[in-house]
C-alpha atoms as a PDB file:
ATOM      1  CA  UNK A   1     111.140  82.237 121.864  1.00  0.00           C
ATOM      2  CA  UNK A   2     110.549  85.969 122.151  1.00  0.00           C
ATOM      3  CA  UNK A   3     113.489  86.323 124.542  1.00  0.00           C
ATOM      4  CA  UNK A   4     115.899  84.625 122.140  1.00  0.00           C
ATOM      5  CA  UNK A   5     115.001  85.709 118.616  1.00  0.00           C
ATOM      6  CA  UNK A   6     118.646  85.780 117.504  1.00  0.00           C
ATOM      7  CA  UNK A   7     118.962  82.121 118.470  1.00  0.00           C
ATOM      8  CA  UNK A   8     115.679  81.222 116.760  1.00  0.00           C
ATOM      9  CA  UNK A   9     116.996  82.813 113.579  1.00  0.00           C
ATOM     10  CA  UNK A  10     119.898  80.333 113.559  1.00  0.00           C
ATOM     11  CA  UNK A  11     117.485  77.392 113.365  1.00  0.00           C
ATOM     12  CA  UNK A  12     114.772  78.154 110.825  1.00  0.00           C
ATOM     13  CA  UNK A  13     112.392  75.419 109.731  1.00  0.00           C
ATOM     14  CA  UNK A  14     111.454  75.672 106.068  1.00  0.00           C
ATOM     15  CA  UNK A  15     112.721  79.238 106.018  1.00  0.00           C
ATOM     16  CA  UNK A  16     110.812  80.464 109.070  1.00  0.00           C
ATOM     17  CA  UNK A  17     110.581  80.282 112.810  1.00  0.00           C
ATOM     18  CA  UNK A  18     108.738  77.217 114.022  1.00  0.00           C
ATOM     19  CA  UNK A  19     107.858  75.683 117.328  1.00  0.00           C
ATOM     20  CA  UNK A  20     108.471  73.198 118.711  1.00  0.00           C
ATOM     21  CA  UNK A  21     111.973  72.657 117.499  1.00  0.00           C
ATOM     22  CA  UNK A  22     114.581  70.946 119.609  1.00  0.00           C
ATOM     23  CA  UNK A  23     118.209  72.003 119.377  1.00  0.00           C
ATOM     24  CA  UNK A  24     120.722  69.664 120.990  1.00  0.00           C
ATOM     25  CA  UNK A  25     123.813  71.395 122.315  1.00  0.00           C
ATOM     26  CA  UNK A  26     126.917  70.359 124.209  1.00  0.00           C
ATOM     27  CA  UNK A  27     126.391  71.733 127.716  1.00  0.00           C
ATOM     28  CA  UNK A  28     129.790  73.380 128.108  1.00  0.00           C
ATOM     29  CA  UNK A  29     130.904  74.210 124.554  1.00  0.00           C
ATOM     30  CA  UNK A  30     127.590  75.089 122.936  1.00  0.00           C
ATOM     31  CA  UNK A  31     128.442  72.838 119.979  1.00  0.00           C
ATOM     32  CA  UNK A  32     125.276  71.949 118.076  1.00  0.00           C
ATOM     33  CA  UNK A  33     124.858  68.180 117.835  1.00  0.00           C
ATOM     34  CA  UNK A  34     121.671  68.436 115.822  1.00  0.00           C
ATOM     35  CA  UNK A  35     118.058  69.509 115.678  1.00  0.00           C
ATOM     36  CA  UNK A  36     114.640  67.945 115.498  1.00  0.00           C
ATOM     37  CA  UNK A  37     111.337  69.406 114.462  1.00  0.00           C
ATOM     38  CA  UNK A  38     109.064  71.016 113.996  1.00  0.00           C
ATOM     39  CA  UNK A  39     106.920  67.994 113.097  1.00  0.00           C
ATOM     40  CA  UNK A  40     107.326  64.225 112.963  1.00  0.00           C
ATOM     41  CA  UNK A  41     108.661  63.257 109.522  1.00  0.00           C
ATOM     42  CA  UNK A  42     105.446  61.635 108.264  1.00  0.00           C
ATOM     43  CA  UNK A  43     103.508  64.793 109.082  1.00  0.00           C
ATOM     44  CA  UNK A  44     106.209  67.093 107.722  1.00  0.00           C
ATOM     45  CA  UNK A  45     106.036  65.124 104.465  1.00  0.00           C
ATOM     46  CA  UNK A  46     102.507  66.495 103.941  1.00  0.00           C
ATOM     47  CA  UNK A  47     103.805  70.072 104.100  1.00  0.00           C
ATOM     48  CA  UNK A  48     106.855  69.237 101.961  1.00  0.00           C
ATOM     49  CA  UNK A  49     104.605  67.778  99.268  1.00  0.00           C
ATOM     50  CA  UNK A  50     102.413  70.889  99.339  1.00  0.00           C
ATOM     51  CA  UNK A  51     105.457  73.123  98.921  1.00  0.00           C
ATOM     52  CA  UNK A  52     106.689  71.054  95.976  1.00  0.00           C
ATOM     53  CA  UNK A  53     103.283  71.182  94.286  1.00  0.00           C
ATOM     54  CA  UNK A  54     102.453  74.832  95.058  1.00  0.00           C
ATOM     55  CA  UNK A  55     105.665  76.877  95.068  1.00  0.00           C
ATOM     56  CA  UNK A  56     103.932  80.059  93.834  1.00  0.00           C
ATOM     57  CA  UNK A  57     102.306  81.807  96.792  1.00  0.00           C
ATOM     58  CA  UNK A  58     100.498  84.117  94.364  1.00  0.00           C
ATOM     59  CA  UNK A  59      98.756  81.276  92.503  1.00  0.00           C
ATOM     60  CA  UNK A  60      94.965  81.255  92.714  1.00  0.00           C
ATOM     61  CA  UNK A  61      94.795  77.775  94.277  1.00  0.00           C
ATOM     62  CA  UNK A  62      97.603  78.386  96.778  1.00  0.00           C
ATOM     63  CA  UNK A  63      95.569  79.460  99.820  1.00  0.00           C
ATOM     64  CA  UNK A  64      92.871  76.839  99.317  1.00  0.00           C
ATOM     65  CA  UNK A  65      95.485  74.097  99.006  1.00  0.00           C
ATOM     66  CA  UNK A  66      97.393  75.432 102.017  1.00  0.00           C
ATOM     67  CA  UNK A  67      94.191  75.315 104.060  1.00  0.00           C
ATOM     68  CA  UNK A  68      93.643  71.711 102.937  1.00  0.00           C
ATOM     69  CA  UNK A  69      97.222  70.874 103.853  1.00  0.00           C
ATOM     70  CA  UNK A  70      96.799  72.282 107.367  1.00  0.00           C
ATOM     71  CA  UNK A  71      93.530  70.366 107.668  1.00  0.00           C
ATOM     72  CA  UNK A  72      95.313  67.129 106.728  1.00  0.00           C
ATOM     73  CA  UNK A  73      98.120  67.878 109.186  1.00  0.00           C
ATOM     74  CA  UNK A  74      95.544  68.515 111.905  1.00  0.00           C
ATOM     75  CA  UNK A  75      93.863  65.204 111.133  1.00  0.00           C
ATOM     76  CA  UNK A  76      97.188  63.400 111.450  1.00  0.00           C
ATOM     77  CA  UNK A  77      97.826  65.019 114.835  1.00  0.00           C
ATOM     78  CA  UNK A  78      94.354  64.052 116.048  1.00  0.00           C
ATOM     79  CA  UNK A  79      94.565  60.456 114.810  1.00  0.00           C
ATOM     80  CA  UNK A  80      95.104  58.844 118.209  1.00  0.00           C
ATOM     81  CA  UNK A  81      98.533  59.293 119.711  1.00  0.00           C
ATOM     82  CA  UNK A  82     100.564  57.937 116.783  1.00  0.00           C
ATOM     83  CA  UNK A  83     102.452  61.193 116.313  1.00  0.00           C
ATOM     84  CA  UNK A  84     103.651  61.062 119.926  1.00  0.00           C
ATOM     85  CA  UNK A  85     105.052  57.570 119.415  1.00  0.00           C
ATOM     86  CA  UNK A  86     106.751  58.675 116.218  1.00  0.00           C
ATOM     87  CA  UNK A  87     108.218  61.758 117.900  1.00  0.00           C
ATOM     88  CA  UNK A  88     109.713  59.616 120.666  1.00  0.00           C
ATOM     89  CA  UNK A  89     111.106  57.169 118.115  1.00  0.00           C
ATOM     90  CA  UNK A  90     112.618  59.985 116.026  1.00  0.00           C
ATOM     91  CA  UNK A  91     114.146  61.634 119.104  1.00  0.00           C
ATOM     92  CA  UNK A  92     115.642  58.316 120.251  1.00  0.00           C
ATOM     93  CA  UNK A  93     117.174  57.894 116.800  1.00  0.00           C
ATOM     94  CA  UNK A  94     118.651  61.395 117.002  1.00  0.00           C
ATOM     95  CA  UNK A  95     120.157  60.725 120.438  1.00  0.00           C
ATOM     96  CA  UNK A  96     121.583  57.425 119.245  1.00  0.00           C
ATOM     97  CA  UNK A  97     123.137  59.115 116.212  1.00  0.00           C
ATOM     98  CA  UNK A  98     124.796  61.710 118.473  1.00  0.00           C
ATOM     99  CA  UNK A  99     126.379  58.942 120.529  1.00  0.00           C
ATOM    100  CA  UNK A 100     127.561  57.056 117.434  1.00  0.00           C
ATOM    101  CA  UNK A 101     129.005  60.233 115.905  1.00  0.00           C
ATOM    102  CA  UNK A 102     130.851  61.117 119.112  1.00  0.00           C
ATOM    103  CA  UNK A 103     132.315  57.613 119.392  1.00  0.00           C
ATOM    104  CA  UNK A 104     133.370  57.631 115.731  1.00  0.00           C
ATOM    105  CA  UNK A 105     134.870  61.114 116.135  1.00  0.00           C
ATOM    106  CA  UNK A 106     136.999  60.032 119.100  1.00  0.00           C
ATOM    107  CA  UNK A 107     138.512  57.112 117.164  1.00  0.00           C
END
């Protein structure tokens, strides 16, 4: 990441740099097919809900609720290996969509 900050800045997650994020590029043209990340959708939903409910970073409850949100996210990551299965499923769906889009584009 540190060696390619200008590239990272092209692919912000929720307005900031996040890892891991996958960027899928055409090998010879550099065309961006799509991205994935930085979290599986069901885990990202926890953060999205927090951001909807606590948009004001200066609010008194903001930091406490953010800490609770990160705790919940941590619990989801440590709940067996479900997130790994979901990540694989989401990545397969992304790859499949790239293939479908390329086929549709050619016709």
